[in-house]
Amino acid sequence: MTAGVAAAGGRSALDEPLRPVGRQWTFSWAMANLGLFLANYGAQQIVLPRQANAIASDQDAAVVVQSWANACASVATVIVSILAGALSDRTLHRTGRRQVWVLCGVVLCAVAFVFQGSQHSIAGVVVGWTAFTAGFAVVFVALSAAVPDDVPVNQRARVSSYFAVGTACGPLIGVAAVTFLLTGILDAYVGLALLLLLCVLPFGFLTRGIPLRRTERPPLALRAITLGVFMPLRSADFAWACGQRALINLSNALAQIFLYQYLKDAVRFDPDLGTLVLLVCYTAGIVVVAIPVGRYSDRTGKRKRIVVWSSAAQGAAALILAFVPTFPAAIAGASLLGFGYGAYLSVDQAVVTQVLPHAEDRGKDLGVLQLSSALPVIVAAAIGGVLITSLGGFPALFLASAIAGLAAAFCVLPIRSVS
């Protein structure tokens, strides 16, 4: 049997969903997100640095390779997120608007990883990582748009909390796999590609959304799509939600993305083992808080105060990493970072789906919002290299993370459509 709400009494694809989604839909959706983050973090934290170190001659050169790969991938993310969202809004497939995009995106991710694993040049790494990031953007936008399509408002924080658990456990599994089992470069990329397919394909094949009627299909025009990127930003709530999401993800990314190099060069600890240990602590922090905080949020309707708490926790974690470069302090910082980010993720989907201006543009608007989630990771890799090599080293990196985390709290307060 297929999961979903396809038989919801003739409901339009543009209507607000009222019927709760079942466990099968929630599980396959959470597993798809787990697979995305498993592959992304396993590669970003371990395999890409390992490949960069194999290509480059020293630490600074390896950082530059990573920065170039992520900077180029950011361009693809901007374009693909918006186009994939807009095109999925107009998709008339019988299984719904999002499922076919999930399938196409995950295949692109897998092919890109196999290609990247065979590369031995900076150009090859940049091309492979850019293609993977494009596929990641397609899948993530489609999965995000499935939430306002199918999940009622009073169930979204609970669904978001499972998203938090999935996206926390995914990186841990990915890093563990490439640390202990897939210790080469090619085998790591191929292994991550297979795990990604295993996690994501069930949602694409086994769930169904509400098919879009041809009469409901918005016109397709490049000018309209281009202008549509900026139109939702005229909504103050949408703009503030973009800002707070971008800042809290930038804070989290700055605190994590160069942990491998931080452990190797500042803490003087085995970076493979150390990254895994810190990721375990980070994941435990997320898992402990995510589901109870999500249920609390759905029960009370409160979202903004949770974002404020999480922002403060992330800022404090970054300060620990900045000024106490020891492994025990890094464990404390990673745990606190997990508590903060887990609380945030437990309400993230609820917050962003409650500020969408128009039902017919959910995918495109979430594609815009996706930029505030994906670009900070890529921007962090690009500017992080500059902070480390030219503007004060690792303390400057983590201080920037703390500032971004605290600034996120001020962006969520003006949002009126969220309590």
Protein backbone atom coordinates (compact mmCIF):
# COMPACT_ATOMS: atom_id res chain seq x y z
CA MET A 1 0.00 0.00 0.00
CA THR A 2 1.05 3.60 -0.51
CA ALA A 3 1.14 6.14 2.27
CA GLY A 4 -0.17 9.65 2.10
CA VAL A 5 -3.44 11.49 1.67
CA ALA A 6 -4.27 10.82 -1.94
CA ALA A 7 -7.73 9.61 -1.04
CA ALA A 8 -8.65 12.63 1.04
CA GLY A 9 -12.10 13.09 -0.44
CA GLY A 10 -11.20 15.05 -3.55
CA ARG A 11 -9.17 17.71 -1.76
CA SER A 12 -7.41 20.19 -4.00
CA ALA A 13 -3.61 20.18 -4.01
CA LEU A 14 -3.81 23.87 -3.05
CA ASP A 15 -6.04 23.39 0.01
CA GLU A 16 -4.69 23.47 3.54
CA PRO A 17 -4.41 19.84 4.69
CA LEU A 18 -6.66 18.87 7.60
CA ARG A 19 -6.19 15.10 7.74
CA PRO A 20 -3.15 13.98 9.78
CA VAL A 21 -0.48 12.04 7.94
CA GLY A 22 0.19 8.50 9.09
CA ARG A 23 3.28 6.84 10.48
CA GLN A 24 4.37 5.42 7.14
CA TRP A 25 4.41 8.85 5.49
CA THR A 26 6.23 10.38 8.46
CA PHE A 27 8.77 7.56 8.64
CA SER A 28 9.62 7.56 4.94
CA TRP A 29 9.83 11.36 4.89
CA ALA A 30 12.13 11.38 7.93
CA MET A 31 14.27 8.60 6.44
CA ALA A 32 14.63 10.52 3.19
CA ASN A 33 15.92 13.52 5.11
CA LEU A 34 18.20 11.23 7.13
CA GLY A 35 19.67 9.89 3.89
CA LEU A 36 20.27 13.38 2.51
CA PHE A 37 22.15 14.52 5.59
CA LEU A 38 23.96 11.20 5.93
CA ALA A 39 25.45 11.66 2.49
CA ASN A 40 26.02 15.39 2.75
CA TYR A 41 27.71 15.42 6.15
CA GLY A 42 29.66 12.23 5.62
CA ALA A 43 31.16 13.80 2.52
CA GLN A 44 31.40 17.38 3.83
CA GLN A 45 32.98 16.54 7.17
CA ILE A 46 35.26 13.64 6.27
CA VAL A 47 35.50 12.58 2.63
CA LEU A 48 35.79 16.01 1.00
CA PRO A 49 38.52 17.12 3.47
CA ARG A 50 40.24 13.75 2.99
CA GLN A 51 40.13 14.23 -0.77
CA ALA A 52 41.27 17.87 -0.46
CA ASN A 53 44.24 16.83 1.70
CA ALA A 54 45.16 14.15 -0.86
CA ILE A 55 45.15 16.71 -3.68
CA ALA A 56 46.65 19.70 -1.84
CA SER A 57 50.17 20.16 -0.55
CA ASP A 58 49.47 21.70 2.89
CA GLN A 59 46.70 22.76 5.30
CA ASP A 60 45.98 26.14 3.71
CA ALA A 61 45.79 24.61 0.24
CA ALA A 62 43.36 21.93 1.48
CA VAL A 63 41.13 24.61 3.01
CA VAL A 64 41.21 26.48 -0.30
CA VAL A 65 40.11 23.35 -2.21
CA GLN A 66 37.13 22.93 0.12
CA SER A 67 36.26 26.61 -0.10
CA TRP A 68 36.36 26.62 -3.92
CA ALA A 69 34.18 23.51 -4.13
CA ASN A 70 31.57 24.97 -1.81
CA ALA A 71 31.66 28.45 -3.32
CA CYS A 72 30.93 27.05 -6.80
CA ALA A 73 28.25 24.77 -5.40
CA SER A 74 26.51 27.81 -3.88
CA VAL A 75 25.74 29.14 -7.36
CA ALA A 76 24.10 25.86 -8.31
CA THR A 77 22.12 25.85 -5.07
CA VAL A 78 20.66 29.30 -5.72
CA ILE A 79 19.51 28.46 -9.24
CA VAL A 80 18.40 24.86 -8.69
CA SER A 81 16.46 25.45 -5.45
CA ILE A 82 14.24 28.10 -7.04
CA LEU A 83 13.77 26.32 -10.38
CA ALA A 84 13.06 22.94 -8.80
CA GLY A 85 10.54 24.49 -6.41
CA ALA A 86 8.78 26.44 -9.18
CA LEU A 87 8.67 23.47 -11.57
CA SER A 88 7.43 21.08 -8.89
CA ASP A 89 4.58 23.56 -8.17
CA ARG A 90 3.51 23.01 -11.79
CA THR A 91 3.99 19.23 -11.98
CA LEU A 92 0.88 17.24 -12.95
CA HIS A 93 2.19 13.77 -12.10
CA ARG A 94 -0.40 11.29 -10.82
CA THR A 95 1.61 10.59 -7.65
CA GLY A 96 1.66 14.26 -6.68
CA ARG A 97 3.80 17.29 -7.33
CA ARG A 98 6.87 16.36 -5.28
CA GLN A 99 7.61 12.64 -5.56
CA VAL A 100 9.03 12.66 -9.10
CA TRP A 101 11.43 15.45 -8.14
CA VAL A 102 12.63 13.49 -5.14
CA LEU A 103 13.46 10.56 -7.44
CA CYS A 104 15.24 12.65 -10.07
CA GLY A 105 17.25 14.58 -7.50
CA VAL A 106 18.49 11.54 -5.62
CA VAL A 107 19.65 9.87 -8.84
CA LEU A 108 21.66 13.03 -9.68
CA CYS A 109 23.22 12.95 -6.19
CA ALA A 110 24.28 9.32 -6.55
CA VAL A 111 25.78 9.80 -10.02
CA ALA A 112 27.65 12.91 -8.86
CA PHE A 113 29.21 11.02 -5.94
CA VAL A 114 30.42 8.18 -8.15
CA PHE A 115 31.95 10.75 -10.51
CA GLN A 116 33.58 12.73 -7.70
CA GLY A 117 35.14 9.65 -6.15
CA SER A 118 37.23 9.09 -9.26
CA GLN A 119 38.58 12.65 -9.46
CA HIS A 120 42.17 13.65 -8.70
CA SER A 121 42.07 17.34 -9.61
CA ILE A 122 40.60 20.48 -8.07
CA ALA A 123 38.39 21.01 -11.14
CA GLY A 124 36.99 17.48 -10.91
CA VAL A 125 36.20 17.87 -7.22
CA VAL A 126 34.47 21.20 -7.86
CA VAL A 127 32.32 19.74 -10.67
CA GLY A 128 31.37 16.65 -8.66
CA TRP A 129 30.51 18.56 -5.50
CA THR A 130 28.48 21.13 -7.46
CA ALA A 131 26.45 18.38 -9.15
CA PHE A 132 25.81 16.65 -5.82
CA THR A 133 24.71 19.93 -4.24
CA ALA A 134 22.31 20.56 -7.12
CA GLY A 135 20.71 17.14 -6.62
CA PHE A 136 20.58 17.70 -2.86
CA ALA A 137 18.74 21.00 -3.43
CA VAL A 138 16.15 19.33 -5.68
CA VAL A 139 15.37 16.59 -3.15
CA PHE A 140 15.36 18.89 -0.13
CA VAL A 141 13.02 21.45 -1.72
CA ALA A 142 10.60 18.71 -2.80
CA LEU A 143 10.61 17.11 0.66
CA SER A 144 10.08 20.48 2.33
CA ALA A 145 7.17 21.36 0.04
CA ALA A 146 5.51 18.02 0.85
CA VAL A 147 4.98 19.25 4.43
CA PRO A 148 2.57 22.14 3.73
CA ASP A 149 1.03 20.01 0.95
CA ASP A 150 0.12 17.11 3.22
CA VAL A 151 0.66 17.90 6.93
CA PRO A 152 -1.85 19.91 9.02
CA VAL A 153 -0.50 22.92 10.92
CA ASN A 154 -1.08 21.34 14.32
CA GLN A 155 1.07 18.33 13.37
CA ARG A 156 3.99 20.16 11.77
CA ALA A 157 6.21 20.62 14.83
CA ARG A 158 5.92 16.91 15.58
CA VAL A 159 6.87 16.08 11.98
CA SER A 160 9.67 18.65 12.25
CA SER A 161 10.95 16.94 15.40
CA TYR A 162 11.32 13.67 13.48
CA PHE A 163 13.10 15.65 10.79
CA ALA A 164 15.46 16.83 13.55
CA VAL A 165 16.15 13.28 14.70
CA GLY A 166 16.67 12.07 11.14
CA THR A 167 18.99 14.89 10.20
CA ALA A 168 20.95 14.37 13.42
CA CYS A 169 21.34 10.61 13.12
CA GLY A 170 22.09 10.81 9.41
CA PRO A 171 25.36 12.71 9.81
CA LEU A 172 26.43 10.37 12.62
CA ILE A 173 25.82 7.29 10.49
CA GLY A 174 27.54 8.90 7.51
CA VAL A 175 30.61 9.96 9.45
CA ALA A 176 30.85 6.59 11.21
CA ALA A 177 30.59 4.77 7.87
CA VAL A 178 33.38 6.76 6.21
CA THR A 179 35.55 6.67 9.35
CA PHE A 180 35.46 2.94 10.10
CA LEU A 181 34.18 1.14 7.00
CA LEU A 182 34.70 3.25 3.89
CA THR A 183 38.19 4.57 4.52
CA GLY A 184 39.18 5.25 0.92
CA ILE A 185 37.92 8.06 -1.28
CA LEU A 186 36.16 6.23 -4.12
CA ASP A 187 34.63 3.56 -1.89
CA ALA A 188 33.41 6.25 0.53
CA TYR A 189 31.60 8.18 -2.20
CA VAL A 190 30.10 5.03 -3.71
CA GLY A 191 29.02 3.76 -0.30
CA LEU A 192 27.40 7.08 0.58
CA ALA A 193 25.59 7.07 -2.78
CA LEU A 194 24.11 3.61 -2.09
CA LEU A 195 23.02 4.55 1.43
CA LEU A 196 21.43 7.72 0.06
CA LEU A 197 19.40 5.78 -2.50
CA LEU A 198 18.31 3.25 0.12
CA CYS A 199 16.97 6.01 2.38
CA VAL A 200 15.35 8.32 -0.17
CA LEU A 201 13.80 6.02 -2.78
CA PRO A 202 10.98 4.71 -0.51
CA PHE A 203 9.46 8.19 -0.17
CA GLY A 204 9.56 8.72 -3.92
CA PHE A 205 8.04 5.32 -4.75
CA LEU A 206 5.73 4.56 -1.80
CA THR A 207 4.05 7.87 -0.97
CA ARG A 208 1.47 9.86 -2.88
CA GLY A 209 0.53 13.50 -2.66
CA ILE A 210 -2.56 15.21 -4.01
CA PRO A 211 -2.19 15.49 -7.82
CA LEU A 212 -2.44 19.02 -9.17
CA ARG A 213 -5.41 19.60 -11.47
CA ARG A 214 -4.57 21.08 -14.83
CA THR A 215 -6.89 24.01 -14.14
CA GLU A 216 -4.94 24.78 -10.94
CA ARG A 217 -1.57 24.83 -12.67
CA PRO A 218 0.11 28.26 -12.52
CA PRO A 219 1.42 29.58 -15.86
CA LEU A 220 5.06 28.81 -16.53
CA ALA A 221 7.09 31.87 -17.50
CA LEU A 222 10.73 32.54 -16.69
CA ARG A 223 10.01 36.21 -15.97
CA ALA A 224 7.25 35.26 -13.52
CA ILE A 225 9.53 32.77 -11.78
CA THR A 226 12.34 35.33 -11.56
CA LEU A 227 10.05 38.00 -10.14
CA GLY A 228 8.54 35.36 -7.87
CA VAL A 229 11.87 35.00 -6.10
CA PHE A 230 11.48 38.49 -4.69
CA MET A 231 7.70 38.74 -4.34
CA PRO A 232 7.38 36.64 -1.16
CA LEU A 233 10.04 38.80 0.47
CA ARG A 234 7.49 41.62 0.40
CA SER A 235 5.78 39.72 3.20
CA ALA A 236 7.50 40.86 6.38
CA ASP A 237 6.96 37.52 8.14
CA PHE A 238 8.48 35.61 5.23
CA ALA A 239 11.48 37.95 5.11
CA TRP A 240 12.11 37.70 8.85
CA ALA A 241 11.77 33.89 8.68
CA CYS A 242 14.38 33.83 5.90
CA GLY A 243 16.70 35.94 8.01
CA GLN A 244 16.41 33.91 11.20
CA ARG A 245 16.77 30.63 9.34
CA ALA A 246 19.84 31.85 7.47
CA LEU A 247 21.55 33.16 10.61
CA ILE A 248 20.94 30.12 12.79
CA ASN A 249 22.11 27.78 10.02
CA LEU A 250 25.15 29.99 9.40
CA SER A 251 25.97 29.80 13.11
CA ASN A 252 25.65 26.02 13.09
CA ALA A 253 27.67 25.61 9.90
CA LEU A 254 30.51 27.86 11.04
CA ALA A 255 30.75 25.85 14.26
CA GLN A 256 30.91 22.50 12.42
CA ILE A 257 32.26 22.70 8.92
CA PHE A 258 35.98 22.95 9.78
CA LEU A 259 35.90 20.69 12.85
CA TYR A 260 38.17 18.20 11.09
CA GLN A 261 40.87 20.85 10.57
CA TYR A 262 40.19 22.37 14.05
CA LEU A 263 40.82 19.05 15.78
CA LYS A 264 43.92 18.36 13.70
CA ASP A 265 45.58 21.79 13.98
CA ALA A 266 44.22 23.53 17.11
CA VAL A 267 43.22 20.74 19.51
CA ARG A 268 45.93 18.32 18.27
CA PHE A 269 43.57 15.34 18.40
CA ASP A 270 43.01 12.53 15.88
CA PRO A 271 40.60 14.29 13.46
CA ASP A 272 38.85 11.14 12.20
CA LEU A 273 38.10 9.79 15.68
CA GLY A 274 37.54 13.26 17.16
CA THR A 275 35.02 14.28 14.50
CA LEU A 276 33.06 11.10 15.14
CA VAL A 277 33.06 11.60 18.93
CA LEU A 278 31.92 15.21 18.64
CA LEU A 279 29.23 14.22 16.17
CA VAL A 280 27.96 11.58 18.63
CA CYS A 281 27.70 14.26 21.33
CA TYR A 282 26.04 16.69 18.91
CA THR A 283 23.56 14.05 17.75
CA ALA A 284 22.72 13.01 21.31
CA GLY A 285 21.93 16.63 22.14
CA ILE A 286 19.55 16.90 19.17
CA VAL A 287 17.80 13.58 19.82
CA VAL A 288 17.26 14.32 23.52
CA VAL A 289 15.45 17.61 22.97
CA ALA A 290 13.84 17.40 19.52
CA ILE A 291 10.73 15.25 20.02
CA PRO A 292 9.66 16.59 23.45
CA VAL A 293 10.20 20.18 22.33
CA GLY A 294 8.26 19.55 19.09
CA ARG A 295 5.33 18.07 21.00
CA TYR A 296 5.43 20.97 23.45
CA SER A 297 5.32 23.40 20.54
CA ASP A 298 2.33 21.69 18.87
CA ARG A 299 0.49 21.51 22.18
CA THR A 300 1.05 25.16 23.11
CA GLY A 301 1.39 26.69 19.65
CA LYS A 302 4.62 28.41 20.78
CA ARG A 303 7.43 28.51 18.23
CA LYS A 304 9.36 31.77 18.60
CA ARG A 305 10.54 31.34 22.18
CA ILE A 306 12.08 27.99 21.20
CA VAL A 307 14.06 29.68 18.42
CA VAL A 308 15.34 32.24 20.95
CA TRP A 309 16.47 29.51 23.35
CA SER A 310 18.19 27.61 20.57
CA SER A 311 19.98 30.73 19.30
CA ALA A 312 21.38 31.45 22.77
CA ALA A 313 22.57 27.85 23.17
CA GLN A 314 24.35 27.88 19.81
CA GLY A 315 26.09 31.16 20.62
CA ALA A 316 27.33 29.80 23.94
CA ALA A 317 28.59 26.59 22.30
CA ALA A 318 30.58 28.54 19.73
CA LEU A 319 32.23 30.64 22.46
CA ILE A 320 33.40 27.48 24.22
CA LEU A 321 34.99 26.22 21.01
CA ALA A 322 36.57 29.62 20.34
CA PHE A 323 38.31 30.14 23.65
CA VAL A 324 38.91 26.66 25.12
CA PRO A 325 40.67 24.59 22.40
CA THR A 326 40.78 21.30 24.30
CA PHE A 327 39.02 18.06 23.48
CA PRO A 328 36.88 17.95 26.69
CA ALA A 329 35.75 21.51 25.98
CA ALA A 330 35.00 20.54 22.39
CA ILE A 331 32.77 17.72 23.70
CA ALA A 332 30.89 20.22 25.88
CA GLY A 333 30.57 22.67 23.01
CA ALA A 334 29.33 20.00 20.58
CA SER A 335 26.72 18.78 23.09
CA LEU A 336 25.42 22.29 23.73
CA LEU A 337 25.38 22.97 20.00
CA GLY A 338 23.24 19.85 19.59
CA PHE A 339 20.78 20.94 22.30
CA GLY A 340 20.36 24.32 20.65
CA TYR A 341 20.07 23.09 17.08
CA GLY A 342 17.75 20.23 18.07
CA ALA A 343 15.36 22.68 19.70
CA TYR A 344 15.45 24.85 16.60
CA LEU A 345 14.90 21.96 14.17
CA SER A 346 11.90 20.77 16.20
CA VAL A 347 9.98 23.88 15.12
CA ASP A 348 11.74 24.83 11.88
CA GLN A 349 9.28 23.20 9.47
CA ALA A 350 6.35 24.59 11.46
CA VAL A 351 7.71 28.15 11.41
CA VAL A 352 8.63 28.32 7.73
CA THR A 353 5.45 26.65 6.44
CA GLN A 354 3.28 29.06 8.47
CA VAL A 355 4.74 32.12 6.74
CA LEU A 356 4.22 30.98 3.11
CA PRO A 357 2.23 33.69 1.28
CA HIS A 358 0.41 31.62 -1.40
CA ALA A 359 -0.56 27.93 -1.64
CA GLU A 360 0.08 27.71 -5.40
CA ASP A 361 3.71 28.76 -4.93
CA ARG A 362 4.66 26.60 -1.96
CA GLY A 363 7.49 24.82 -3.74
CA LYS A 364 8.99 27.97 -5.21
CA ASP A 365 8.71 29.90 -1.92
CA LEU A 366 10.25 27.00 -0.03
CA GLY A 367 12.97 26.98 -2.68
CA VAL A 368 13.69 30.58 -1.69
CA LEU A 369 13.61 29.57 1.97
CA GLN A 370 15.84 26.61 1.15
CA LEU A 371 18.52 29.11 0.18
CA SER A 372 18.47 30.39 3.75
CA SER A 373 19.14 26.82 4.89
CA ALA A 374 21.60 25.57 2.26
CA LEU A 375 23.55 28.69 1.38
CA PRO A 376 24.77 29.35 4.95
CA VAL A 377 26.49 25.94 4.91
CA ILE A 378 28.21 26.76 1.65
CA VAL A 379 28.95 30.37 2.60
CA ALA A 380 30.38 29.15 5.90
CA ALA A 381 32.81 26.93 4.03
CA ALA A 382 33.83 29.84 1.78
CA ILE A 383 34.23 32.58 4.42
CA GLY A 384 35.41 30.11 7.04
CA GLY A 385 38.55 29.50 5.02
CA VAL A 386 39.24 33.26 4.97
CA LEU A 387 38.61 33.59 8.72
CA ILE A 388 40.97 30.73 9.50
CA THR A 389 43.81 31.64 7.15
CA SER A 390 43.69 35.45 7.20
CA LEU A 391 41.52 36.91 9.98
CA GLY A 392 42.46 35.33 13.29
CA GLY A 393 42.35 31.56 12.91
CA PHE A 394 39.84 29.26 14.57
CA PRO A 395 38.85 31.73 17.36
CA ALA A 396 37.65 34.16 14.67
CA LEU A 397 35.67 31.36 13.03
CA PHE A 398 33.82 30.40 16.20
CA LEU A 399 33.31 33.99 17.30
CA ALA A 400 31.55 34.62 13.97
CA SER A 401 29.40 31.56 14.72
CA ALA A 402 28.40 32.98 18.11
CA ILE A 403 27.45 36.36 16.64
CA ALA A 404 25.31 34.74 13.92
CA GLY A 405 23.55 32.52 16.47
CA LEU A 406 22.62 35.40 18.75
CA ALA A 407 21.48 37.55 15.81
CA ALA A 408 19.00 34.83 14.78
CA ALA A 409 17.04 35.38 18.00
CA PHE A 410 16.38 39.02 17.09
CA CYS A 411 15.07 38.07 13.62
CA VAL A 412 12.36 35.71 14.86
CA LEU A 413 10.76 38.17 17.30
CA PRO A 414 9.01 40.40 14.70
CA ILE A 415 7.22 37.48 12.98
CA ARG A 416 3.48 37.97 13.60
CA SER A 417 1.93 34.88 12.04
CA VAL A 418 3.85 32.60 14.42
CA SER A 419 3.39 32.61 18.19
